[in-house]
Each structure stands twice: as C-alpha cells, then as structure tokens.
C-alpha cells in the first residue's frame, strides 16, 4: 500500500513533515530519500518579506 507525505523544505535545508494539520521537524530530505520516500511533485513558494523561500514536496513510499 502506498503512503504519501507532504514536506516543506526551507532555503537552509530545514525540513518539516505536514501530518494531520501539524508540522513536525524532520532530520532532512536526504534521510527521507534513504528511507525509501520518492518525490512525486514539487511546489515552490517564492520569498516574501520576512521569510525565506521554501518548497512543498509530495513524497510517496511504496
């Protein structure tokens, strides 16, 4: 059965998982990729005043 996970990664490489409306800090994208997660889709968010650019990534694990 496939599992899906949304993560947000900021400009500095900090990574958060979004689960049930809550953000949980994760070690980083490389650790997720090593654990078998694969990116399906990316949505970039441009830098706005007072925040760094970040990207939303949908990951899949089979």
PDB file of N, CA and C in Angstrom:
ATOM      1  N   UNK A   1       0.834  -1.173   0.000  1.00  0.00           N
ATOM      2  CA  UNK A   1       0.000   0.000   0.000  1.00  0.00           C
ATOM      3  C   UNK A   1       0.888   1.249   0.000  1.00  0.00           C
ATOM      4  N   UNK A   2       0.548   2.203  -0.819  1.00  0.00           N
ATOM      5  CA  UNK A   2       1.324   3.421  -0.922  1.00  0.00           C
ATOM      6  C   UNK A   2       1.024   4.362   0.241  1.00  0.00           C
ATOM      7  N   UNK A   3       2.060   5.071   0.680  1.00  0.00           N
ATOM      8  CA  UNK A   3       1.911   6.118   1.684  1.00  0.00           C
ATOM      9  C   UNK A   3       2.352   7.426   1.049  1.00  0.00           C
ATOM     10  N   UNK A   4       1.734   8.517   1.462  1.00  0.00           N
ATOM     11  CA  UNK A   4       2.083   9.834   0.946  1.00  0.00           C
ATOM     12  C   UNK A   4       2.430  10.753   2.107  1.00  0.00           C
ATOM     13  N   UNK A   5       3.345  11.679   1.857  1.00  0.00           N
ATOM     14  CA  UNK A   5       3.794  12.602   2.888  1.00  0.00           C
ATOM     15  C   UNK A   5       4.120  13.938   2.233  1.00  0.00           C
ATOM     16  N   UNK A   6       3.581  15.018   2.797  1.00  0.00           N
ATOM     17  CA  UNK A   6       3.937  16.358   2.362  1.00  0.00           C
ATOM     18  C   UNK A   6       5.028  16.883   3.282  1.00  0.00           C
ATOM     19  N   UNK A   7       6.074  17.446   2.695  1.00  0.00           N
ATOM     20  CA  UNK A   7       7.134  18.075   3.482  1.00  0.00           C
ATOM     21  C   UNK A   7       7.395  19.479   2.949  1.00  0.00           C
ATOM     22  N   UNK A   8       7.799  20.355   3.857  1.00  0.00           N
ATOM     23  CA  UNK A   8       8.216  21.702   3.494  1.00  0.00           C
ATOM     24  C   UNK A   8       9.702  21.797   3.792  1.00  0.00           C
ATOM     25  N   UNK A   9      10.459  22.286   2.825  1.00  0.00           N
ATOM     26  CA  UNK A   9      11.899  22.463   2.993  1.00  0.00           C
ATOM     27  C   UNK A   9      12.219  23.924   2.741  1.00  0.00           C
ATOM     28  N   UNK A  10      12.950  24.532   3.678  1.00  0.00           N
ATOM     29  CA  UNK A  10      13.284  25.940   3.505  1.00  0.00           C
ATOM     30  C   UNK A  10      14.631  26.105   2.803  1.00  0.00           C
ATOM     31  N   UNK A  11      15.007  27.337   2.589  1.00  0.00           N
ATOM     32  CA  UNK A  11      16.226  27.703   1.872  1.00  0.00           C
ATOM     33  C   UNK A  11      17.479  27.102   2.514  1.00  0.00           C
ATOM     34  N   UNK A  12      17.441  26.885   3.819  1.00  0.00           N
ATOM     35  CA  UNK A  12      18.598  26.378   4.549  1.00  0.00           C
ATOM     36  C   UNK A  12      18.594  24.856   4.694  1.00  0.00           C
ATOM     37  N   UNK A  13      17.597  24.182   4.126  1.00  0.00           N
ATOM     38  CA  UNK A  13      17.533  22.728   4.162  1.00  0.00           C
ATOM     39  C   UNK A  13      16.753  22.160   5.331  1.00  0.00           C
ATOM     40  N   UNK A  14      16.199  23.018   6.183  1.00  0.00           N
ATOM     41  CA  UNK A  14      15.371  22.523   7.288  1.00  0.00           C
ATOM     42  C   UNK A  14      14.096  21.916   6.702  1.00  0.00           C
ATOM     43  N   UNK A  15      13.655  20.843   7.314  1.00  0.00           N
ATOM     44  CA  UNK A  15      12.562  20.059   6.741  1.00  0.00           C
ATOM     45  C   UNK A  15      11.486  19.802   7.791  1.00  0.00           C
ATOM     46  N   UNK A  16      10.220  19.977   7.389  1.00  0.00           N
ATOM     47  CA  UNK A  16       9.080  19.713   8.256  1.00  0.00           C
ATOM     48  C   UNK A  16       8.093  18.822   7.513  1.00  0.00           C
ATOM     49  N   UNK A  17       7.571  17.822   8.209  1.00  0.00           N
ATOM     50  CA  UNK A  17       6.506  16.977   7.661  1.00  0.00           C
ATOM     51  C   UNK A  17       5.176  17.577   8.085  1.00  0.00           C
ATOM     52  N   UNK A  18       4.206  17.538   7.191  1.00  0.00           N
ATOM     53  CA  UNK A  18       2.863  18.013   7.493  1.00  0.00           C
ATOM     54  C   UNK A  18       1.969  16.781   7.633  1.00  0.00           C
ATOM     55  N   UNK A  19       1.532  16.544   8.863  1.00  0.00           N
ATOM     56  CA  UNK A  19       0.680  15.379   9.145  1.00  0.00           C
ATOM     57  C   UNK A  19      -0.496  15.819   9.988  1.00  0.00           C
ATOM     58  N   UNK A  20      -1.690  15.546   9.516  1.00  0.00           N
ATOM     59  CA  UNK A  20      -2.916  15.864  10.252  1.00  0.00           C
ATOM     60  C   UNK A  20      -2.943  17.320  10.714  1.00  0.00           C
ATOM     61  N   UNK A  21      -2.504  18.213   9.838  1.00  0.00           N
ATOM     62  CA  UNK A  21      -2.540  19.638  10.129  1.00  0.00           C
ATOM     63  C   UNK A  21      -1.456  20.136  11.055  1.00  0.00           C
ATOM     64  N   UNK A  22      -0.526  19.285  11.434  1.00  0.00           N
ATOM     65  CA  UNK A  22       0.570  19.653  12.328  1.00  0.00           C
ATOM     66  C   UNK A  22       1.904  19.547  11.591  1.00  0.00           C
ATOM     67  N   UNK A  23       2.824  20.424  11.925  1.00  0.00           N
ATOM     68  CA  UNK A  23       4.167  20.390  11.338  1.00  0.00           C
ATOM     69  C   UNK A  23       5.124  19.727  12.326  1.00  0.00           C
ATOM     70  N   UNK A  24       5.872  18.745  11.834  1.00  0.00           N
ATOM     71  CA  UNK A  24       6.834  18.009  12.653  1.00  0.00           C
ATOM     72  C   UNK A  24       8.217  18.153  12.032  1.00  0.00           C
ATOM     73  N   UNK A  25       9.180  18.590  12.788  1.00  0.00           N
ATOM     74  CA  UNK A  25      10.547  18.773  12.279  1.00  0.00           C
ATOM     75  C   UNK A  25      11.177  17.417  11.992  1.00  0.00           C
ATOM     76  N   UNK A  26      11.813  17.298  10.828  1.00  0.00           N
ATOM     77  CA  UNK A  26      12.478  16.068  10.409  1.00  0.00           C
ATOM     78  C   UNK A  26      13.965  16.338  10.212  1.00  0.00           C
ATOM     79  N   UNK A  27      14.789  15.278  10.196  1.00  0.00           N
ATOM     80  CA  UNK A  27      16.233  15.457  10.010  1.00  0.00           C
ATOM     81  C   UNK A  27      16.601  16.094   8.669  1.00  0.00           C
ATOM     82  N   UNK A  28      15.864  15.811   7.616  1.00  0.00           N
ATOM     83  CA  UNK A  28      16.160  16.395   6.309  1.00  0.00           C
ATOM     84  C   UNK A  28      15.708  15.508   5.173  1.00  0.00           C
ATOM     85  N   UNK A  29      15.677  16.087   3.991  1.00  0.00           N
ATOM     86  CA  UNK A  29      15.235  15.341   2.807  1.00  0.00           C
ATOM     87  C   UNK A  29      16.125  14.136   2.501  1.00  0.00           C
ATOM     88  N   UNK A  30      17.461  14.230   2.608  1.00  0.00           N
ATOM     89  CA  UNK A  30      18.278  13.049   2.316  1.00  0.00           C
ATOM     90  C   UNK A  30      17.912  11.832   3.170  1.00  0.00           C
ATOM     91  N   UNK A  31      17.573  12.057   4.425  1.00  0.00           N
ATOM     92  CA  UNK A  31      17.201  10.916   5.275  1.00  0.00           C
ATOM     93  C   UNK A  31      15.886  10.298   4.819  1.00  0.00           C
ATOM     94  N   UNK A  32      14.957  11.124   4.340  1.00  0.00           N
ATOM     95  CA  UNK A  32      13.700  10.594   3.817  1.00  0.00           C
ATOM     96  C   UNK A  32      13.935   9.791   2.538  1.00  0.00           C
ATOM     97  N   UNK A  33      14.785  10.297   1.665  1.00  0.00           N
ATOM     98  CA  UNK A  33      15.091   9.573   0.427  1.00  0.00           C
ATOM     99  C   UNK A  33      15.778   8.251   0.725  1.00  0.00           C
ATOM    100  N   UNK A  34      16.679   8.244   1.706  1.00  0.00           N
ATOM    101  CA  UNK A  34      17.352   6.998   2.107  1.00  0.00           C
ATOM    102  C   UNK A  34      16.383   6.004   2.727  1.00  0.00           C
ATOM    103  N   UNK A  35      15.291   6.505   3.313  1.00  0.00           N
ATOM    104  CA  UNK A  35      14.278   5.641   3.923  1.00  0.00           C
ATOM    105  C   UNK A  35      13.273   5.112   2.902  1.00  0.00           C
ATOM    106  N   UNK A  36      13.455   5.456   1.626  1.00  0.00           N
ATOM    107  CA  UNK A  36      12.586   4.912   0.589  1.00  0.00           C
ATOM    108  C   UNK A  36      11.511   5.844   0.077  1.00  0.00           C
ATOM    109  N   UNK A  37      11.461   7.071   0.568  1.00  0.00           N
ATOM    110  CA  UNK A  37      10.495   8.043   0.063  1.00  0.00           C
ATOM    111  C   UNK A  37      10.983   8.585  -1.267  1.00  0.00           C
ATOM    112  N   UNK A  38      10.054   8.809  -2.212  1.00  0.00           N
ATOM    113  CA  UNK A  38      10.396   9.330  -3.529  1.00  0.00           C
ATOM    114  C   UNK A  38       9.522  10.539  -3.844  1.00  0.00           C
ATOM    115  N   UNK A  39      10.121  11.610  -4.379  1.00  0.00           N
ATOM    116  CA  UNK A  39       9.336  12.806  -4.706  1.00  0.00           C
ATOM    117  C   UNK A  39       8.412  12.568  -5.894  1.00  0.00           C
ATOM    118  N   UNK A  40       7.189  13.069  -5.772  1.00  0.00           N
ATOM    119  CA  UNK A  40       6.221  12.994  -6.857  1.00  0.00           C
ATOM    120  C   UNK A  40       5.964  14.360  -7.484  1.00  0.00           C
ATOM    121  N   UNK A  41       5.895  15.390  -6.619  1.00  0.00           N
ATOM    122  CA  UNK A  41       5.528  16.719  -7.106  1.00  0.00           C
ATOM    123  C   UNK A  41       6.144  17.775  -6.198  1.00  0.00           C
ATOM    124  N   UNK A  42       6.552  18.885  -6.785  1.00  0.00           N
ATOM    125  CA  UNK A  42       7.138  19.995  -6.040  1.00  0.00           C
ATOM    126  C   UNK A  42       6.363  21.274  -6.349  1.00  0.00           C
ATOM    127  N   UNK A  43       6.173  22.095  -5.324  1.00  0.00           N
ATOM    128  CA  UNK A  43       5.532  23.397  -5.494  1.00  0.00           C
ATOM    129  C   UNK A  43       6.392  24.441  -4.791  1.00  0.00           C
ATOM    130  N   UNK A  44       7.089  25.286  -5.553  1.00  0.00           N
ATOM    131  CA  UNK A  44       7.935  26.304  -4.915  1.00  0.00           C
ATOM    132  C   UNK A  44       7.114  27.479  -4.393  1.00  0.00           C
ATOM    133  N   UNK A  45       7.582  28.047  -3.298  1.00  0.00           N
ATOM    134  CA  UNK A  45       6.988  29.249  -2.738  1.00  0.00           C
ATOM    135  C   UNK A  45       8.058  30.331  -2.768  1.00  0.00           C
ATOM    136  N   UNK A  46       7.828  31.413  -3.493  1.00  0.00           N
ATOM    137  CA  UNK A  46       8.842  32.458  -3.583  1.00  0.00           C
ATOM    138  C   UNK A  46       9.035  33.161  -2.243  1.00  0.00           C
ATOM    139  N   UNK A  47      10.167  33.806  -2.131  1.00  0.00           N
ATOM    140  CA  UNK A  47      10.471  34.550  -0.912  1.00  0.00           C
ATOM    141  C   UNK A  47       9.511  35.716  -0.764  1.00  0.00           C
ATOM    142  N   UNK A  48       8.967  35.852   0.423  1.00  0.00           N
ATOM    143  CA  UNK A  48       8.129  37.004   0.722  1.00  0.00           C
ATOM    144  C   UNK A  48       8.830  37.811   1.805  1.00  0.00           C
ATOM    145  N   UNK A  49       8.371  38.988   2.035  1.00  0.00           N
ATOM    146  CA  UNK A  49       9.028  39.837   3.021  1.00  0.00           C
ATOM    147  C   UNK A  49       8.998  39.174   4.391  1.00  0.00           C
ATOM    148  N   UNK A  50      10.166  39.019   4.994  1.00  0.00           N
ATOM    149  CA  UNK A  50      10.264  38.421   6.315  1.00  0.00           C
ATOM    150  C   UNK A  50      10.366  36.914   6.340  1.00  0.00           C
ATOM    151  N   UNK A  51      10.390  36.270   5.185  1.00  0.00           N
ATOM    152  CA  UNK A  51      10.531  34.813   5.167  1.00  0.00           C
ATOM    153  C   UNK A  51      11.463  34.392   4.041  1.00  0.00           C
ATOM    154  N   UNK A  52      12.040  33.231   4.214  1.00  0.00           N
ATOM    155  CA  UNK A  52      12.933  32.665   3.202  1.00  0.00           C
ATOM    156  C   UNK A  52      12.122  31.838   2.220  1.00  0.00           C
ATOM    157  N   UNK A  53      12.642  31.661   1.006  1.00  0.00           N
ATOM    158  CA  UNK A  53      11.934  30.810   0.050  1.00  0.00           C
ATOM    159  C   UNK A  53      11.885  29.368   0.561  1.00  0.00           C
ATOM    160  N   UNK A  54      10.838  28.664   0.191  1.00  0.00           N
ATOM    161  CA  UNK A  54      10.705  27.262   0.579  1.00  0.00           C
ATOM    162  C   UNK A  54       9.979  26.506  -0.529  1.00  0.00           C
ATOM    163  N   UNK A  55       9.909  25.209  -0.357  1.00  0.00           N
ATOM    164  CA  UNK A  55       9.276  24.371  -1.365  1.00  0.00           C
ATOM    165  C   UNK A  55       8.441  23.299  -0.652  1.00  0.00           C
ATOM    166  N   UNK A  56       7.285  23.006  -1.209  1.00  0.00           N
ATOM    167  CA  UNK A  56       6.417  21.945  -0.717  1.00  0.00           C
ATOM    168  C   UNK A  56       6.630  20.741  -1.634  1.00  0.00           C
ATOM    169  N   UNK A  57       6.927  19.599  -1.043  1.00  0.00           N
ATOM    170  CA  UNK A  57       7.180  18.387  -1.829  1.00  0.00           C
ATOM    171  C   UNK A  57       6.234  17.285  -1.380  1.00  0.00           C
ATOM    172  N   UNK A  58       5.590  16.644  -2.339  1.00  0.00           N
ATOM    173  CA  UNK A  58       4.776  15.465  -2.076  1.00  0.00           C
ATOM    174  C   UNK A  58       5.655  14.253  -2.296  1.00  0.00           C
ATOM    175  N   UNK A  59       5.784  13.427  -1.249  1.00  0.00           N
ATOM    176  CA  UNK A  59       6.591  12.221  -1.321  1.00  0.00           C
ATOM    177  C   UNK A  59       5.698  10.979  -1.284  1.00  0.00           C
ATOM    178  N   UNK A  60       6.184   9.916  -1.880  1.00  0.00           N
ATOM    179  CA  UNK A  60       5.457   8.639  -1.902  1.00  0.00           C
ATOM    180  C   UNK A  60       6.395   7.532  -1.435  1.00  0.00           C
ATOM    181  N   UNK A  61       5.858   6.625  -0.647  1.00  0.00           N
ATOM    182  CA  UNK A  61       6.616   5.432  -0.244  1.00  0.00           C
ATOM    183  C   UNK A  61       5.757   4.223  -0.542  1.00  0.00           C
ATOM    184  N   UNK A  62       6.340   3.272  -1.253  1.00  0.00           N
ATOM    185  CA  UNK A  62       5.602   2.074  -1.642  1.00  0.00           C
ATOM    186  C   UNK A  62       5.914   0.956  -0.679  1.00  0.00           C
TER     187      UNK A  62
END
